[in-house]
Amino acid sequence: MNYPLLNVFFTTMWVFLWVMWFFLLFRVFADLFRDDSVSGWGKAGWCVFVLVLPFLGVFVYLIARGKGMGRRDIKQSQEAEASFRAYVQEAAAGTSATSSPAGELTKLAELRQHGDITEEEYQRAKDHVLAA
């Protein structure tokens, strides 16, 4: 087989550029549908533009809205991190509150206050928690 090294290089380069192009295209669509400031008609217009004239559409999108893409990425990352931290704190607080004697006594007091358990049941459960 006669395939010169320079042709291998160019073929590899074109495949790499083709893959990069698809990543860029998916990134534009993801950013477009993540942005709440664009109306439905605006999103439809951008989609038609990018699908009918893919190269021009993506480049125009990057020029027109590229600066906001970074801001939206940062905002989404910060929201995800805040949500994760809140979940971890909630899970940690829920675990420690139910497993600690103080948490269990608080729950018992709330049950007694709402009338879900009687005073005798409260005293028995309180003695059991304090004995453990």
C-alpha atoms as a PDB file:
ATOM      1  CA  MET A   1       0.000   0.000   0.000  1.00  0.00           C
ATOM      2  CA  ASN A   2       1.401   3.346  -1.005  1.00  0.00           C
ATOM      3  CA  TYR A   3       0.138   6.084   1.369  1.00  0.00           C
ATOM      4  CA  PRO A   4       2.741   8.790   2.020  1.00  0.00           C
ATOM      5  CA  LEU A   5       3.380  10.091   5.503  1.00  0.00           C
ATOM      6  CA  LEU A   6       2.179  13.574   4.579  1.00  0.00           C
ATOM      7  CA  ASN A   7      -1.197  12.138   3.536  1.00  0.00           C
ATOM      8  CA  VAL A   8      -1.465  10.352   6.870  1.00  0.00           C
ATOM      9  CA  PHE A   9      -0.818  13.649   8.606  1.00  0.00           C
ATOM     10  CA  PHE A  10      -3.475  15.489   6.559  1.00  0.00           C
ATOM     11  CA  THR A  11      -6.025  12.714   7.070  1.00  0.00           C
ATOM     12  CA  THR A  12      -5.415  12.779  10.817  1.00  0.00           C
ATOM     13  CA  MET A  13      -5.717  16.555  10.839  1.00  0.00           C
ATOM     14  CA  TRP A  14      -9.037  16.495   8.947  1.00  0.00           C
ATOM     15  CA  VAL A  15     -10.482  13.845  11.266  1.00  0.00           C
ATOM     16  CA  PHE A  16      -9.385  15.887  14.284  1.00  0.00           C
ATOM     17  CA  LEU A  17     -10.943  19.061  12.847  1.00  0.00           C
ATOM     18  CA  TRP A  18     -14.159  17.187  12.040  1.00  0.00           C
ATOM     19  CA  VAL A  19     -14.432  15.913  15.626  1.00  0.00           C
ATOM     20  CA  MET A  20     -13.666  19.395  16.980  1.00  0.00           C
ATOM     21  CA  TRP A  21     -16.386  20.804  14.747  1.00  0.00           C
ATOM     22  CA  PHE A  22     -18.987  18.447  16.214  1.00  0.00           C
ATOM     23  CA  PHE A  23     -17.919  19.325  19.748  1.00  0.00           C
ATOM     24  CA  LEU A  24     -18.299  23.001  18.910  1.00  0.00           C
ATOM     25  CA  LEU A  25     -21.704  22.414  17.313  1.00  0.00           C
ATOM     26  CA  PHE A  26     -23.006  20.515  20.352  1.00  0.00           C
ATOM     27  CA  ARG A  27     -21.592  23.187  22.635  1.00  0.00           C
ATOM     28  CA  VAL A  28     -23.471  25.900  20.737  1.00  0.00           C
ATOM     29  CA  PHE A  29     -26.744  23.959  20.947  1.00  0.00           C
ATOM     30  CA  ALA A  30     -26.245  23.257  24.651  1.00  0.00           C
ATOM     31  CA  ASP A  31     -25.561  26.924  25.347  1.00  0.00           C
ATOM     32  CA  LEU A  32     -28.514  28.024  23.247  1.00  0.00           C
ATOM     33  CA  PHE A  33     -31.020  25.825  25.084  1.00  0.00           C
ATOM     34  CA  ARG A  34     -29.521  26.593  28.503  1.00  0.00           C
ATOM     35  CA  ASP A  35     -29.928  30.357  28.053  1.00  0.00           C
ATOM     36  CA  ASP A  36     -33.221  31.597  29.512  1.00  0.00           C
ATOM     37  CA  SER A  37     -32.853  35.091  28.052  1.00  0.00           C
ATOM     38  CA  VAL A  38     -33.522  33.861  24.498  1.00  0.00           C
ATOM     39  CA  SER A  39     -37.174  33.374  23.552  1.00  0.00           C
ATOM     40  CA  GLY A  40     -38.490  30.257  21.903  1.00  0.00           C
ATOM     41  CA  TRP A  41     -38.603  31.988  18.514  1.00  0.00           C
ATOM     42  CA  GLY A  42     -35.040  33.167  18.990  1.00  0.00           C
ATOM     43  CA  LYS A  43     -33.896  29.633  19.764  1.00  0.00           C
ATOM     44  CA  ALA A  44     -35.775  28.325  16.732  1.00  0.00           C
ATOM     45  CA  GLY A  45     -34.162  30.978  14.538  1.00  0.00           C
ATOM     46  CA  TRP A  46     -30.668  30.159  15.769  1.00  0.00           C
ATOM     47  CA  CYS A  47     -31.317  26.425  15.262  1.00  0.00           C
ATOM     48  CA  VAL A  48     -32.475  26.939  11.679  1.00  0.00           C
ATOM     49  CA  PHE A  49     -29.519  29.222  10.987  1.00  0.00           C
ATOM     50  CA  VAL A  50     -27.022  26.749  12.444  1.00  0.00           C
ATOM     51  CA  LEU A  51     -28.591  23.753  10.699  1.00  0.00           C
ATOM     52  CA  VAL A  52     -29.006  25.388   7.275  1.00  0.00           C
ATOM     53  CA  LEU A  53     -25.614  27.119   7.223  1.00  0.00           C
ATOM     54  CA  PRO A  54     -23.635  25.182   9.833  1.00  0.00           C
ATOM     55  CA  PHE A  55     -20.213  26.781   9.568  1.00  0.00           C
ATOM     56  CA  LEU A  56     -21.450  30.332   9.173  1.00  0.00           C
ATOM     57  CA  GLY A  57     -24.177  29.840  11.775  1.00  0.00           C
ATOM     58  CA  VAL A  58     -21.799  28.577  14.443  1.00  0.00           C
ATOM     59  CA  PHE A  59     -19.237  31.290  13.764  1.00  0.00           C
ATOM     60  CA  VAL A  60     -21.881  34.020  13.869  1.00  0.00           C
ATOM     61  CA  TYR A  61     -23.253  32.535  17.105  1.00  0.00           C
ATOM     62  CA  LEU A  62     -19.778  32.553  18.649  1.00  0.00           C
ATOM     63  CA  ILE A  63     -19.194  36.147  17.589  1.00  0.00           C
ATOM     64  CA  ALA A  64     -22.620  37.386  18.701  1.00  0.00           C
ATOM     65  CA  ARG A  65     -23.069  35.394  21.899  1.00  0.00           C
ATOM     66  CA  GLY A  66     -19.647  33.939  22.685  1.00  0.00           C
ATOM     67  CA  LYS A  67     -18.904  36.257  25.590  1.00  0.00           C
ATOM     68  CA  GLY A  68     -22.082  35.191  27.358  1.00  0.00           C
ATOM     69  CA  MET A  69     -21.240  31.495  26.919  1.00  0.00           C
ATOM     70  CA  GLY A  70     -18.442  31.764  29.446  1.00  0.00           C
ATOM     71  CA  ARG A  71     -20.623  33.643  31.911  1.00  0.00           C
ATOM     72  CA  ARG A  72     -23.388  31.062  31.606  1.00  0.00           C
ATOM     73  CA  ASP A  73     -20.869  28.245  32.152  1.00  0.00           C
ATOM     74  CA  ILE A  74     -19.520  29.925  35.277  1.00  0.00           C
ATOM     75  CA  LYS A  75     -23.024  30.591  36.585  1.00  0.00           C
ATOM     76  CA  GLN A  76     -24.085  26.985  35.991  1.00  0.00           C
ATOM     77  CA  SER A  77     -20.939  25.679  37.715  1.00  0.00           C
ATOM     78  CA  GLN A  78     -21.494  27.938  40.721  1.00  0.00           C
ATOM     79  CA  GLU A  79     -25.147  26.881  41.004  1.00  0.00           C
ATOM     80  CA  ALA A  80     -24.198  23.213  40.764  1.00  0.00           C
ATOM     81  CA  GLU A  81     -21.523  23.626  43.428  1.00  0.00           C
ATOM     82  CA  ALA A  82     -23.901  25.516  45.731  1.00  0.00           C
ATOM     83  CA  SER A  83     -26.546  22.853  45.238  1.00  0.00           C
ATOM     84  CA  PHE A  84     -24.028  20.107  45.987  1.00  0.00           C
ATOM     85  CA  ARG A  85     -22.794  21.869  49.125  1.00  0.00           C
ATOM     86  CA  ALA A  86     -26.373  22.393  50.338  1.00  0.00           C
ATOM     87  CA  TYR A  87     -27.146  18.725  49.739  1.00  0.00           C
ATOM     88  CA  VAL A  88     -24.039  17.593  51.613  1.00  0.00           C
ATOM     89  CA  GLN A  89     -24.797  19.904  54.538  1.00  0.00           C
ATOM     90  CA  GLU A  90     -28.428  18.754  54.615  1.00  0.00           C
ATOM     91  CA  ALA A  91     -27.414  15.102  54.490  1.00  0.00           C
ATOM     92  CA  ALA A  92     -24.796  15.589  57.190  1.00  0.00           C
ATOM     93  CA  ALA A  93     -27.216  17.519  59.402  1.00  0.00           C
ATOM     94  CA  GLY A  94     -29.943  14.923  58.895  1.00  0.00           C
ATOM     95  CA  THR A  95     -27.604  12.065  59.781  1.00  0.00           C
ATOM     96  CA  SER A  96     -26.145  13.688  62.857  1.00  0.00           C
ATOM     97  CA  ALA A  97     -29.493  14.987  64.128  1.00  0.00           C
ATOM     98  CA  THR A  98     -31.183  11.612  64.051  1.00  0.00           C
ATOM     99  CA  SER A  99     -28.233   9.632  65.392  1.00  0.00           C
ATOM    100  CA  SER A 100     -27.356  11.929  68.278  1.00  0.00           C
ATOM    101  CA  PRO A 101     -29.242  11.792  71.572  1.00  0.00           C
ATOM    102  CA  ALA A 102     -29.992  15.517  71.361  1.00  0.00           C
ATOM    103  CA  GLY A 103     -31.604  15.059  67.960  1.00  0.00           C
ATOM    104  CA  GLU A 104     -33.691  12.155  69.161  1.00  0.00           C
ATOM    105  CA  LEU A 105     -34.806  14.087  72.251  1.00  0.00           C
ATOM    106  CA  THR A 106     -35.783  17.007  70.037  1.00  0.00           C
ATOM    107  CA  LYS A 107     -37.879  14.702  67.873  1.00  0.00           C
ATOM    108  CA  LEU A 108     -39.519  13.196  70.956  1.00  0.00           C
ATOM    109  CA  ALA A 109     -40.319  16.655  72.315  1.00  0.00           C
ATOM    110  CA  GLU A 110     -41.923  17.626  69.005  1.00  0.00           C
ATOM    111  CA  LEU A 111     -43.994  14.438  68.971  1.00  0.00           C
ATOM    112  CA  ARG A 112     -45.186  15.104  72.531  1.00  0.00           C
ATOM    113  CA  GLN A 113     -45.915  18.744  71.737  1.00  0.00           C
ATOM    114  CA  HIS A 114     -48.072  17.787  68.738  1.00  0.00           C
ATOM    115  CA  GLY A 115     -49.920  15.191  70.808  1.00  0.00           C
ATOM    116  CA  ASP A 116     -48.645  12.228  68.811  1.00  0.00           C
ATOM    117  CA  ILE A 117     -47.355  10.483  71.962  1.00  0.00           C
ATOM    118  CA  THR A 118     -48.484  10.626  75.549  1.00  0.00           C
ATOM    119  CA  GLU A 119     -46.446  11.905  78.480  1.00  0.00           C
ATOM    120  CA  GLU A 120     -45.757   8.323  79.648  1.00  0.00           C
ATOM    121  CA  GLU A 121     -44.501   7.287  76.185  1.00  0.00           C
ATOM    122  CA  TYR A 122     -42.330  10.395  76.077  1.00  0.00           C
ATOM    123  CA  GLN A 123     -40.756   9.634  79.485  1.00  0.00           C
ATOM    124  CA  ARG A 124     -40.098   5.991  78.533  1.00  0.00           C
ATOM    125  CA  ALA A 125     -38.507   6.944  75.208  1.00  0.00           C
ATOM    126  CA  LYS A 126     -36.508   9.729  76.889  1.00  0.00           C
ATOM    127  CA  ASP A 127     -35.175   7.318  79.510  1.00  0.00           C
ATOM    128  CA  HIS A 128     -34.284   4.832  76.763  1.00  0.00           C
ATOM    129  CA  VAL A 129     -32.400   7.500  74.758  1.00  0.00           C
ATOM    130  CA  LEU A 130     -30.520   8.762  77.823  1.00  0.00           C
ATOM    131  CA  ALA A 131     -29.633   5.218  78.916  1.00  0.00           C
ATOM    132  CA  ALA A 132     -28.094   4.370  75.550  1.00  0.00           C
END
